[in-house]
Amino acid sequence: AEAYELDRSIWPEHYVFNFAGGATTH
């Protein structure tokens, strides 16, 4: 966030599951 001057306030608060390629990650 510091290096690229990104606004962290608009980042999502939580993780979500992803199931691409049969691998369950968040």
mmCIF file of all heavy atoms, coordinates in Angstrom:
data_MODEL
# 
_entry.id   MODEL 
# 
loop_
_atom_site.group_PDB 
_atom_site.id 
_atom_site.type_symbol 
_atom_site.label_atom_id 
_atom_site.label_alt_id 
_atom_site.label_comp_id 
_atom_site.label_asym_id 
_atom_site.label_entity_id 
_atom_site.label_seq_id 
_atom_site.pdbx_PDB_ins_code 
_atom_site.Cartn_x 
_atom_site.Cartn_y 
_atom_site.Cartn_z 
_atom_site.occupancy 
_atom_site.B_iso_or_equiv 
_atom_site.pdbx_formal_charge 
_atom_site.auth_seq_id 
_atom_site.auth_comp_id 
_atom_site.auth_asym_id 
_atom_site.auth_atom_id 
_atom_site.pdbx_PDB_model_num 
ATOM 1   N N   . ALA A 1 1  ? 0.831   -1.206  0.000   1.00 0.00 ? 1  ALA A N   1 
ATOM 2   C CA  . ALA A 1 1  ? 0.000   0.000   0.000   1.00 0.00 ? 1  ALA A CA  1 
ATOM 3   C C   . ALA A 1 1  ? 0.865   1.256   0.000   1.00 0.00 ? 1  ALA A C   1 
ATOM 4   O O   . ALA A 1 1  ? 0.560   2.239   -0.689  1.00 0.00 ? 1  ALA A O   1 
ATOM 5   C CB  . ALA A 1 1  ? -0.932  0.000   1.207   1.00 0.00 ? 1  ALA A CB  1 
ATOM 6   N N   . GLU A 1 2  ? 1.967   1.225   0.741   1.00 0.00 ? 2  GLU A N   1 
ATOM 7   C CA  . GLU A 1 2  ? 2.861   2.380   0.799   1.00 0.00 ? 2  GLU A CA  1 
ATOM 8   C C   . GLU A 1 2  ? 3.623   2.556   -0.518  1.00 0.00 ? 2  GLU A C   1 
ATOM 9   O O   . GLU A 1 2  ? 3.739   3.673   -1.032  1.00 0.00 ? 2  GLU A O   1 
ATOM 10  C CB  . GLU A 1 2  ? 3.843   2.217   1.956   1.00 0.00 ? 2  GLU A CB  1 
ATOM 11  C CG  . GLU A 1 2  ? 4.840   3.364   2.082   1.00 0.00 ? 2  GLU A CG  1 
ATOM 12  C CD  . GLU A 1 2  ? 5.835   3.153   3.206   1.00 0.00 ? 2  GLU A CD  1 
ATOM 13  O OE1 . GLU A 1 2  ? 5.782   2.090   3.862   1.00 0.00 ? 2  GLU A OE1 1 
ATOM 14  O OE2 . GLU A 1 2  ? 6.673   4.050   3.431   1.00 0.00 ? 2  GLU A OE2 1 
ATOM 15  N N   . ALA A 1 3  ? 4.125   1.454   -1.063  1.00 0.00 ? 3  ALA A N   1 
ATOM 16  C CA  . ALA A 1 3  ? 4.944   1.533   -2.274  1.00 0.00 ? 3  ALA A CA  1 
ATOM 17  C C   . ALA A 1 3  ? 4.140   1.994   -3.482  1.00 0.00 ? 3  ALA A C   1 
ATOM 18  O O   . ALA A 1 3  ? 4.651   2.729   -4.336  1.00 0.00 ? 3  ALA A O   1 
ATOM 19  C CB  . ALA A 1 3  ? 5.591   0.179   -2.559  1.00 0.00 ? 3  ALA A CB  1 
ATOM 20  N N   . TYR A 1 4  ? 2.873   1.580   -3.569  1.00 0.00 ? 4  TYR A N   1 
ATOM 21  C CA  . TYR A 1 4  ? 2.062   1.895   -4.746  1.00 0.00 ? 4  TYR A CA  1 
ATOM 22  C C   . TYR A 1 4  ? 0.932   2.881   -4.455  1.00 0.00 ? 4  TYR A C   1 
ATOM 23  O O   . TYR A 1 4  ? 0.060   3.085   -5.301  1.00 0.00 ? 4  TYR A O   1 
ATOM 24  C CB  . TYR A 1 4  ? 1.478   0.606   -5.331  1.00 0.00 ? 4  TYR A CB  1 
ATOM 25  C CG  . TYR A 1 4  ? 2.526   -0.276  -5.961  1.00 0.00 ? 4  TYR A CG  1 
ATOM 26  C CD1 . TYR A 1 4  ? 3.084   -1.339  -5.258  1.00 0.00 ? 4  TYR A CD1 1 
ATOM 27  C CD2 . TYR A 1 4  ? 2.976   -0.034  -7.255  1.00 0.00 ? 4  TYR A CD2 1 
ATOM 28  C CE1 . TYR A 1 4  ? 4.065   -2.145  -5.839  1.00 0.00 ? 4  TYR A CE1 1 
ATOM 29  C CE2 . TYR A 1 4  ? 3.940   -0.830  -7.847  1.00 0.00 ? 4  TYR A CE2 1 
ATOM 30  C CZ  . TYR A 1 4  ? 4.485   -1.888  -7.129  1.00 0.00 ? 4  TYR A CZ  1 
ATOM 31  O OH  . TYR A 1 4  ? 5.449   -2.678  -7.704  1.00 0.00 ? 4  TYR A OH  1 
ATOM 32  N N   . GLU A 1 5  ? 0.971   3.476   -3.264  1.00 0.00 ? 5  GLU A N   1 
ATOM 33  C CA  . GLU A 1 5  ? -0.010  4.491   -2.876  1.00 0.00 ? 5  GLU A CA  1 
ATOM 34  C C   . GLU A 1 5  ? -1.435  3.989   -3.071  1.00 0.00 ? 5  GLU A C   1 
ATOM 35  O O   . GLU A 1 5  ? -2.280  4.641   -3.711  1.00 0.00 ? 5  GLU A O   1 
ATOM 36  C CB  . GLU A 1 5  ? 0.214   5.776   -3.686  1.00 0.00 ? 5  GLU A CB  1 
ATOM 37  C CG  . GLU A 1 5  ? 1.596   6.385   -3.458  1.00 0.00 ? 5  GLU A CG  1 
ATOM 38  C CD  . GLU A 1 5  ? 1.810   7.666   -4.254  1.00 0.00 ? 5  GLU A CD  1 
ATOM 39  O OE1 . GLU A 1 5  ? 0.946   7.980   -5.099  1.00 0.00 ? 5  GLU A OE1 1 
ATOM 40  O OE2 . GLU A 1 5  ? 2.820   8.349   -4.029  1.00 0.00 ? 5  GLU A OE2 1 
ATOM 41  N N   . LEU A 1 6  ? -1.725  2.825   -2.522  1.00 0.00 ? 6  LEU A N   1 
ATOM 42  C CA  . LEU A 1 6  ? -3.057  2.232   -2.610  1.00 0.00 ? 6  LEU A CA  1 
ATOM 43  C C   . LEU A 1 6  ? -3.884  2.620   -1.393  1.00 0.00 ? 6  LEU A C   1 
ATOM 44  O O   . LEU A 1 6  ? -3.357  2.775   -0.295  1.00 0.00 ? 6  LEU A O   1 
ATOM 45  C CB  . LEU A 1 6  ? -2.958  0.707   -2.699  1.00 0.00 ? 6  LEU A CB  1 
ATOM 46  C CG  . LEU A 1 6  ? -2.151  0.144   -3.884  1.00 0.00 ? 6  LEU A CG  1 
ATOM 47  C CD1 . LEU A 1 6  ? -2.150  -1.376  -3.835  1.00 0.00 ? 6  LEU A CD1 1 
ATOM 48  C CD2 . LEU A 1 6  ? -2.724  0.636   -5.213  1.00 0.00 ? 6  LEU A CD2 1 
ATOM 49  N N   . ASP A 1 7  ? -5.177  2.767   -1.599  1.00 0.00 ? 7  ASP A N   1 
ATOM 50  C CA  . ASP A 1 7  ? -6.099  3.124   -0.525  1.00 0.00 ? 7  ASP A CA  1 
ATOM 51  C C   . ASP A 1 7  ? -6.591  1.841   0.153   1.00 0.00 ? 7  ASP A C   1 
ATOM 52  O O   . ASP A 1 7  ? -7.427  1.114   -0.396  1.00 0.00 ? 7  ASP A O   1 
ATOM 53  C CB  . ASP A 1 7  ? -7.279  3.912   -1.094  1.00 0.00 ? 7  ASP A CB  1 
ATOM 54  C CG  . ASP A 1 7  ? -8.249  4.376   -0.018  1.00 0.00 ? 7  ASP A CG  1 
ATOM 55  O OD1 . ASP A 1 7  ? -7.965  4.140   1.184   1.00 0.00 ? 7  ASP A OD1 1 
ATOM 56  O OD2 . ASP A 1 7  ? -9.302  4.955   -0.373  1.00 0.00 ? 7  ASP A OD2 1 
ATOM 57  N N   . ARG A 1 8  ? -6.091  1.563   1.338   1.00 0.00 ? 8  ARG A N   1 
ATOM 58  C CA  . ARG A 1 8  ? -6.449  0.324   2.029   1.00 0.00 ? 8  ARG A CA  1 
ATOM 59  C C   . ARG A 1 8  ? -7.883  0.331   2.533   1.00 0.00 ? 8  ARG A C   1 
ATOM 60  O O   . ARG A 1 8  ? -8.443  -0.723  2.817   1.00 0.00 ? 8  ARG A O   1 
ATOM 61  C CB  . ARG A 1 8  ? -5.488  0.081   3.200   1.00 0.00 ? 8  ARG A CB  1 
ATOM 62  C CG  . ARG A 1 8  ? -4.037  -0.076  2.790   1.00 0.00 ? 8  ARG A CG  1 
ATOM 63  C CD  . ARG A 1 8  ? -3.153  -0.462  3.956   1.00 0.00 ? 8  ARG A CD  1 
ATOM 64  N NE  . ARG A 1 8  ? -3.441  -1.794  4.446   1.00 0.00 ? 8  ARG A NE  1 
ATOM 65  C CZ  . ARG A 1 8  ? -2.823  -2.363  5.477   1.00 0.00 ? 8  ARG A CZ  1 
ATOM 66  N NH1 . ARG A 1 8  ? -1.881  -1.686  6.126   1.00 0.00 ? 8  ARG A NH1 1 
ATOM 67  N NH2 . ARG A 1 8  ? -3.138  -3.574  5.871   1.00 0.00 ? 8  ARG A NH2 1 
ATOM 68  N N   . SER A 1 9  ? -8.494  1.490   2.633   1.00 0.00 ? 9  SER A N   1 
ATOM 69  C CA  . SER A 1 9  ? -9.857  1.559   3.153   1.00 0.00 ? 9  SER A CA  1 
ATOM 70  C C   . SER A 1 9  ? -10.867 0.897   2.220   1.00 0.00 ? 9  SER A C   1 
ATOM 71  O O   . SER A 1 9  ? -11.962 0.518   2.653   1.00 0.00 ? 9  SER A O   1 
ATOM 72  C CB  . SER A 1 9  ? -10.261 3.016   3.398   1.00 0.00 ? 9  SER A CB  1 
ATOM 73  O OG  . SER A 1 9  ? -10.332 3.738   2.174   1.00 0.00 ? 9  SER A OG  1 
ATOM 74  N N   . ILE A 1 10 ? -10.521 0.758   0.934   1.00 0.00 ? 10 ILE A N   1 
ATOM 75  C CA  . ILE A 1 10 ? -11.466 0.132   0.002   1.00 0.00 ? 10 ILE A CA  1 
ATOM 76  C C   . ILE A 1 10 ? -11.180 -1.352  -0.192  1.00 0.00 ? 10 ILE A C   1 
ATOM 77  O O   . ILE A 1 10 ? -11.876 -2.024  -0.955  1.00 0.00 ? 10 ILE A O   1 
ATOM 78  C CB  . ILE A 1 10 ? -11.438 0.847   -1.366  1.00 0.00 ? 10 ILE A CB  1 
ATOM 79  C CG1 . ILE A 1 10 ? -10.062 0.692   -2.045  1.00 0.00 ? 10 ILE A CG1 1 
ATOM 80  C CG2 . ILE A 1 10 ? -11.796 2.317   -1.217  1.00 0.00 ? 10 ILE A CG2 1 
ATOM 81  C CD1 . ILE A 1 10 ? -10.013 1.260   -3.455  1.00 0.00 ? 10 ILE A CD1 1 
ATOM 82  N N   . TRP A 1 11 ? -10.165 -1.878  0.469   1.00 0.00 ? 11 TRP A N   1 
ATOM 83  C CA  . TRP A 1 11 ? -9.903  -3.313  0.377   1.00 0.00 ? 11 TRP A CA  1 
ATOM 84  C C   . TRP A 1 11 ? -10.997 -4.075  1.114   1.00 0.00 ? 11 TRP A C   1 
ATOM 85  O O   . TRP A 1 11 ? -11.523 -3.598  2.128   1.00 0.00 ? 11 TRP A O   1 
ATOM 86  C CB  . TRP A 1 11 ? -8.539  -3.653  0.990   1.00 0.00 ? 11 TRP A CB  1 
ATOM 87  C CG  . TRP A 1 11 ? -7.374  -3.091  0.234   1.00 0.00 ? 11 TRP A CG  1 
ATOM 88  C CD1 . TRP A 1 11 ? -7.422  -2.277  -0.863  1.00 0.00 ? 11 TRP A CD1 1 
ATOM 89  C CD2 . TRP A 1 11 ? -5.995  -3.284  0.528   1.00 0.00 ? 11 TRP A CD2 1 
ATOM 90  N NE1 . TRP A 1 11 ? -6.164  -1.956  -1.276  1.00 0.00 ? 11 TRP A NE1 1 
ATOM 91  C CE2 . TRP A 1 11 ? -5.248  -2.557  -0.437  1.00 0.00 ? 11 TRP A CE2 1 
ATOM 92  C CE3 . TRP A 1 11 ? -5.304  -3.994  1.502   1.00 0.00 ? 11 TRP A CE3 1 
ATOM 93  C CZ2 . TRP A 1 11 ? -3.873  -2.532  -0.452  1.00 0.00 ? 11 TRP A CZ2 1 
ATOM 94  C CZ3 . TRP A 1 11 ? -3.915  -3.971  1.489   1.00 0.00 ? 11 TRP A CZ3 1 
ATOM 95  C CH2 . TRP A 1 11 ? -3.207  -3.255  0.523   1.00 0.00 ? 11 TRP A CH2 1 
ATOM 96  N N   . PRO A 1 12 ? -11.359 -5.263  0.645   1.00 0.00 ? 12 PRO A N   1 
ATOM 97  C CA  . PRO A 1 12 ? -12.373 -6.051  1.350   1.00 0.00 ? 12 PRO A CA  1 
ATOM 98  C C   . PRO A 1 12 ? -11.889 -6.436  2.749   1.00 0.00 ? 12 PRO A C   1 
ATOM 99  O O   . PRO A 1 12 ? -10.700 -6.697  2.954   1.00 0.00 ? 12 PRO A O   1 
ATOM 100 C CB  . PRO A 1 12 ? -12.547 -7.281  0.453   1.00 0.00 ? 12 PRO A CB  1 
ATOM 101 C CG  . PRO A 1 12 ? -11.286 -7.368  -0.340  1.00 0.00 ? 12 PRO A CG  1 
ATOM 102 C CD  . PRO A 1 12 ? -10.837 -5.951  -0.550  1.00 0.00 ? 12 PRO A CD  1 
ATOM 103 N N   . GLU A 1 13 ? -12.814 -6.472  3.678   1.00 0.00 ? 13 GLU A N   1 
ATOM 104 C CA  . GLU A 1 13 ? -12.447 -6.798  5.057   1.00 0.00 ? 13 GLU A CA  1 
ATOM 105 C C   . GLU A 1 13 ? -12.156 -8.279  5.236   1.00 0.00 ? 13 GLU A C   1 
ATOM 106 O O   . GLU A 1 13 ? -11.358 -8.661  6.093   1.00 0.00 ? 13 GLU A O   1 
ATOM 107 C CB  . GLU A 1 13 ? -13.572 -6.373  6.001   1.00 0.00 ? 13 GLU A CB  1 
ATOM 108 C CG  . GLU A 1 13 ? -13.813 -4.872  6.057   1.00 0.00 ? 13 GLU A CG  1 
ATOM 109 C CD  . GLU A 1 13 ? -14.885 -4.511  7.054   1.00 0.00 ? 13 GLU A CD  1 
ATOM 110 O OE1 . GLU A 1 13 ? -15.365 -5.427  7.764   1.00 0.00 ? 13 GLU A OE1 1 
ATOM 111 O OE2 . GLU A 1 13 ? -15.259 -3.329  7.134   1.00 0.00 ? 13 GLU A OE2 1 
ATOM 112 N N   . HIS A 1 14 ? -12.821 -9.129  4.466   1.00 0.00 ? 14 HIS A N   1 
ATOM 113 C CA  . HIS A 1 14 ? -12.736 -10.564 4.694   1.00 0.00 ? 14 HIS A CA  1 
ATOM 114 C C   . HIS A 1 14 ? -12.221 -11.298 3.455   1.00 0.00 ? 14 HIS A C   1 
ATOM 115 O O   . HIS A 1 14 ? -12.300 -10.802 2.330   1.00 0.00 ? 14 HIS A O   1 
ATOM 116 C CB  . HIS A 1 14 ? -14.115 -11.120 5.075   1.00 0.00 ? 14 HIS A CB  1 
ATOM 117 C CG  . HIS A 1 14 ? -14.745 -10.414 6.230   1.00 0.00 ? 14 HIS A CG  1 
ATOM 118 N ND1 . HIS A 1 14 ? -14.270 -10.521 7.513   1.00 0.00 ? 14 HIS A ND1 1 
ATOM 119 C CD2 . HIS A 1 14 ? -15.817 -9.580  6.280   1.00 0.00 ? 14 HIS A CD2 1 
ATOM 120 C CE1 . HIS A 1 14 ? -15.018 -9.784  8.325   1.00 0.00 ? 14 HIS A CE1 1 
ATOM 121 N NE2 . HIS A 1 14 ? -15.965 -9.204  7.602   1.00 0.00 ? 14 HIS A NE2 1 
ATOM 122 N N   . TYR A 1 15 ? -11.722 -12.494 3.684   1.00 0.00 ? 15 TYR A N   1 
ATOM 123 C CA  . TYR A 1 15 ? -11.345 -13.397 2.613   1.00 0.00 ? 15 TYR A CA  1 
ATOM 124 C C   . TYR A 1 15 ? -12.591 -14.123 2.110   1.00 0.00 ? 15 TYR A C   1 
ATOM 125 O O   . TYR A 1 15 ? -13.571 -14.267 2.833   1.00 0.00 ? 15 TYR A O   1 
ATOM 126 C CB  . TYR A 1 15 ? -10.328 -14.432 3.101   1.00 0.00 ? 15 TYR A CB  1 
ATOM 127 C CG  . TYR A 1 15 ? -8.932  -13.898 3.281   1.00 0.00 ? 15 TYR A CG  1 
ATOM 128 C CD1 . TYR A 1 15 ? -8.607  -13.091 4.373   1.00 0.00 ? 15 TYR A CD1 1 
ATOM 129 C CD2 . TYR A 1 15 ? -7.931  -14.193 2.368   1.00 0.00 ? 15 TYR A CD2 1 
ATOM 130 C CE1 . TYR A 1 15 ? -7.324  -12.597 4.539   1.00 0.00 ? 15 TYR A CE1 1 
ATOM 131 C CE2 . TYR A 1 15 ? -6.637  -13.707 2.528   1.00 0.00 ? 15 TYR A CE2 1 
ATOM 132 C CZ  . TYR A 1 15 ? -6.348  -12.910 3.615   1.00 0.00 ? 15 TYR A CZ  1 
ATOM 133 O OH  . TYR A 1 15 ? -5.091  -12.419 3.767   1.00 0.00 ? 15 TYR A OH  1 
ATOM 134 N N   . VAL A 1 16 ? -12.529 -14.600 0.856   1.00 0.00 ? 16 VAL A N   1 
ATOM 135 C CA  . VAL A 1 16 ? -13.606 -15.437 0.321   1.00 0.00 ? 16 VAL A CA  1 
ATOM 136 C C   . VAL A 1 16 ? -12.975 -16.687 -0.271  1.00 0.00 ? 16 VAL A C   1 
ATOM 137 O O   . VAL A 1 16 ? -11.821 -16.673 -0.725  1.00 0.00 ? 16 VAL A O   1 
ATOM 138 C CB  . VAL A 1 16 ? -14.437 -14.697 -0.756  1.00 0.00 ? 16 VAL A CB  1 
ATOM 139 C CG1 . VAL A 1 16 ? -15.121 -13.486 -0.150  1.00 0.00 ? 16 VAL A CG1 1 
ATOM 140 C CG2 . VAL A 1 16 ? -13.582 -14.291 -1.938  1.00 0.00 ? 16 VAL A CG2 1 
ATOM 141 N N   . PHE A 1 17 ? -13.739 -17.769 -0.285  1.00 0.00 ? 17 PHE A N   1 
ATOM 142 C CA  . PHE A 1 17 ? -13.244 -19.025 -0.839  1.00 0.00 ? 17 PHE A CA  1 
ATOM 143 C C   . PHE A 1 17 ? -13.128 -18.938 -2.356  1.00 0.00 ? 17 PHE A C   1 
ATOM 144 O O   . PHE A 1 17 ? -13.913 -18.272 -3.029  1.00 0.00 ? 17 PHE A O   1 
ATOM 145 C CB  . PHE A 1 17 ? -14.164 -20.188 -0.473  1.00 0.00 ? 17 PHE A CB  1 
ATOM 146 C CG  . PHE A 1 17 ? -13.970 -20.702 0.922   1.00 0.00 ? 17 PHE A CG  1 
ATOM 147 C CD1 . PHE A 1 17 ? -15.056 -20.838 1.781   1.00 0.00 ? 17 PHE A CD1 1 
ATOM 148 C CD2 . PHE A 1 17 ? -12.716 -21.052 1.388   1.00 0.00 ? 17 PHE A CD2 1 
ATOM 149 C CE1 . PHE A 1 17 ? -14.890 -21.315 3.067   1.00 0.00 ? 17 PHE A CE1 1 
ATOM 150 C CE2 . PHE A 1 17 ? -12.534 -21.532 2.678   1.00 0.00 ? 17 PHE A CE2 1 
ATOM 151 C CZ  . PHE A 1 17 ? -13.628 -21.663 3.514   1.00 0.00 ? 17 PHE A CZ  1 
ATOM 152 N N   . ASN A 1 18 ? -12.145 -19.669 -2.889  1.00 0.00 ? 18 ASN A N   1 
ATOM 153 C CA  . ASN A 1 18 ? -11.958 -19.796 -4.324  1.00 0.00 ? 18 ASN A CA  1 
ATOM 154 C C   . ASN A 1 18 ? -11.684 -21.264 -4.619  1.00 0.00 ? 18 ASN A C   1 
ATOM 155 O O   . ASN A 1 18 ? -10.943 -21.916 -3.886  1.00 0.00 ? 18 ASN A O   1 
ATOM 156 C CB  . ASN A 1 18 ? -10.803 -18.914 -4.799  1.00 0.00 ? 18 ASN A CB  1 
ATOM 157 C CG  . ASN A 1 18 ? -10.541 -19.063 -6.285  1.00 0.00 ? 18 ASN A CG  1 
ATOM 158 O OD1 . ASN A 1 18 ? -9.597  -19.726 -6.688  1.00 0.00 ? 18 ASN A OD1 1 
ATOM 159 N ND2 . ASN A 1 18 ? -11.374 -18.443 -7.100  1.00 0.00 ? 18 ASN A ND2 1 
ATOM 160 N N   . PHE A 1 19 ? -12.260 -21.772 -5.716  1.00 0.00 ? 19 PHE A N   1 
ATOM 161 C CA  . PHE A 1 19 ? -12.187 -23.216 -6.001  1.00 0.00 ? 19 PHE A CA  1 
ATOM 162 C C   . PHE A 1 19 ? -11.587 -23.506 -7.371  1.00 0.00 ? 19 PHE A C   1 
ATOM 163 O O   . PHE A 1 19 ? -11.884 -24.529 -7.980  1.00 0.00 ? 19 PHE A O   1 
ATOM 164 C CB  . PHE A 1 19 ? -13.588 -23.831 -5.921  1.00 0.00 ? 19 PHE A CB  1 
ATOM 165 C CG  . PHE A 1 19 ? -14.275 -23.591 -4.602  1.00 0.00 ? 19 PHE A CG  1 
ATOM 166 C CD1 . PHE A 1 19 ? -15.112 -22.511 -4.445  1.00 0.00 ? 19 PHE A CD1 1 
ATOM 167 C CD2 . PHE A 1 19 ? -14.063 -24.434 -3.524  1.00 0.00 ? 19 PHE A CD2 1 
ATOM 168 C CE1 . PHE A 1 19 ? -15.747 -22.263 -3.233  1.00 0.00 ? 19 PHE A CE1 1 
ATOM 169 C CE2 . PHE A 1 19 ? -14.682 -24.198 -2.309  1.00 0.00 ? 19 PHE A CE2 1 
ATOM 170 C CZ  . PHE A 1 19 ? -15.534 -23.114 -2.154  1.00 0.00 ? 19 PHE A CZ  1 
ATOM 171 N N   . ALA A 1 20 ? -10.749 -22.648 -7.873  1.00 0.00 ? 20 ALA A N   1 
ATOM 172 C CA  . ALA A 1 20 ? -10.178 -22.830 -9.209  1.00 0.00 ? 20 ALA A CA  1 
ATOM 173 C C   . ALA A 1 20 ? -9.285  -24.060 -9.265  1.00 0.00 ? 20 ALA A C   1 
ATOM 174 O O   . ALA A 1 20 ? -8.435  -24.274 -8.395  1.00 0.00 ? 20 ALA A O   1 
ATOM 175 C CB  . ALA A 1 20 ? -9.380  -21.593 -9.612  1.00 0.00 ? 20 ALA A CB  1 
ATOM 176 N N   . GLY A 1 21 ? -9.477  -24.881 -10.304 1.00 0.00 ? 21 GLY A N   1 
ATOM 177 C CA  . GLY A 1 21 ? -8.620  -26.038 -10.525 1.00 0.00 ? 21 GLY A CA  1 
ATOM 178 C C   . GLY A 1 21 ? -8.747  -27.126 -9.481  1.00 0.00 ? 21 GLY A C   1 
ATOM 179 O O   . GLY A 1 21 ? -7.861  -27.970 -9.352  1.00 0.00 ? 21 GLY A O   1 
ATOM 180 N N   . GLY A 1 22 ? -9.834  -27.133 -8.723  1.00 0.00 ? 22 GLY A N   1 
ATOM 181 C CA  . GLY A 1 22 ? -10.043 -28.159 -7.706  1.00 0.00 ? 22 GLY A CA  1 
ATOM 182 C C   . GLY A 1 22 ? -9.329  -27.899 -6.405  1.00 0.00 ? 22 GLY A C   1 
ATOM 183 O O   . GLY A 1 22 ? -9.395  -28.714 -5.484  1.00 0.00 ? 22 GLY A O   1 
ATOM 184 N N   . ALA A 1 23 ? -8.637  -26.757 -6.285  1.00 0.00 ? 23 ALA A N   1 
ATOM 185 C CA  . ALA A 1 23 ? -7.943  -26.422 -5.038  1.00 0.00 ? 23 ALA A CA  1 
ATOM 186 C C   . ALA A 1 23 ? -8.777  -25.404 -4.265  1.00 0.00 ? 23 ALA A C   1 
ATOM 187 O O   . ALA A 1 23 ? -9.147  -24.353 -4.793  1.00 0.00 ? 23 ALA A O   1 
ATOM 188 C CB  . ALA A 1 23 ? -6.568  -25.830 -5.343  1.00 0.00 ? 23 ALA A CB  1 
ATOM 189 N N   . THR A 1 24 ? -9.079  -25.728 -3.019  1.00 0.00 ? 24 THR A N   1 
ATOM 190 C CA  . THR A 1 24 ? -9.868  -24.823 -2.189  1.00 0.00 ? 24 THR A CA  1 
ATOM 191 C C   . THR A 1 24 ? -8.922  -23.917 -1.403  1.00 0.00 ? 24 THR A C   1 
ATOM 192 O O   . THR A 1 24 ? -8.188  -24.365 -0.530  1.00 0.00 ? 24 THR A O   1 
ATOM 193 C CB  . THR A 1 24 ? -10.761 -25.603 -1.216  1.00 0.00 ? 24 THR A CB  1 
ATOM 194 O OG1 . THR A 1 24 ? -11.636 -26.450 -1.969  1.00 0.00 ? 24 THR A OG1 1 
ATOM 195 C CG2 . THR A 1 24 ? -11.590 -24.654 -0.376  1.00 0.00 ? 24 THR A CG2 1 
ATOM 196 N N   . THR A 1 25 ? -8.949  -22.642 -1.732  1.00 0.00 ? 25 THR A N   1 
ATOM 197 C CA  . THR A 1 25 ? -8.136  -21.643 -1.045  1.00 0.00 ? 25 THR A CA  1 
ATOM 198 C C   . THR A 1 25 ? -9.045  -20.481 -0.664  1.00 0.00 ? 25 THR A C   1 
ATOM 199 O O   . THR A 1 25 ? -10.244 -20.501 -0.958  1.00 0.00 ? 25 THR A O   1 
ATOM 200 C CB  . THR A 1 25 ? -7.004  -21.131 -1.955  1.00 0.00 ? 25 THR A CB  1 
ATOM 201 O OG1 . THR A 1 25 ? -7.595  -20.519 -3.119  1.00 0.00 ? 25 THR A OG1 1 
ATOM 202 C CG2 . THR A 1 25 ? -6.098  -22.269 -2.397  1.00 0.00 ? 25 THR A CG2 1 
ATOM 203 N N   . HIS A 1 26 ? -8.480  -19.478 -0.029  1.00 0.00 ? 26 HIS A N   1 
ATOM 204 C CA  . HIS A 1 26 ? -9.226  -18.231 0.145   1.00 0.00 ? 26 HIS A CA  1 
ATOM 205 C C   . HIS A 1 26 ? -8.365  -17.076 -0.331  1.00 0.00 ? 26 HIS A C   1 
ATOM 206 O O   . HIS A 1 26 ? -7.144  -17.126 -0.290  1.00 0.00 ? 26 HIS A O   1 
ATOM 207 C CB  . HIS A 1 26 ? -9.750  -18.044 1.576   1.00 0.00 ? 26 HIS A CB  1 
ATOM 208 C CG  . HIS A 1 26 ? -8.720  -18.102 2.651   1.00 0.00 ? 26 HIS A CG  1 
ATOM 209 N ND1 . HIS A 1 26 ? -8.988  -17.847 3.973   1.00 0.00 ? 26 HIS A ND1 1 
ATOM 210 C CD2 . HIS A 1 26 ? -7.386  -18.405 2.627   1.00 0.00 ? 26 HIS A CD2 1 
ATOM 211 C CE1 . HIS A 1 26 ? -7.901  -17.973 4.706   1.00 0.00 ? 26 HIS A CE1 1 
ATOM 212 N NE2 . HIS A 1 26 ? -6.928  -18.311 3.904   1.00 0.00 ? 26 HIS A NE2 1 
# 
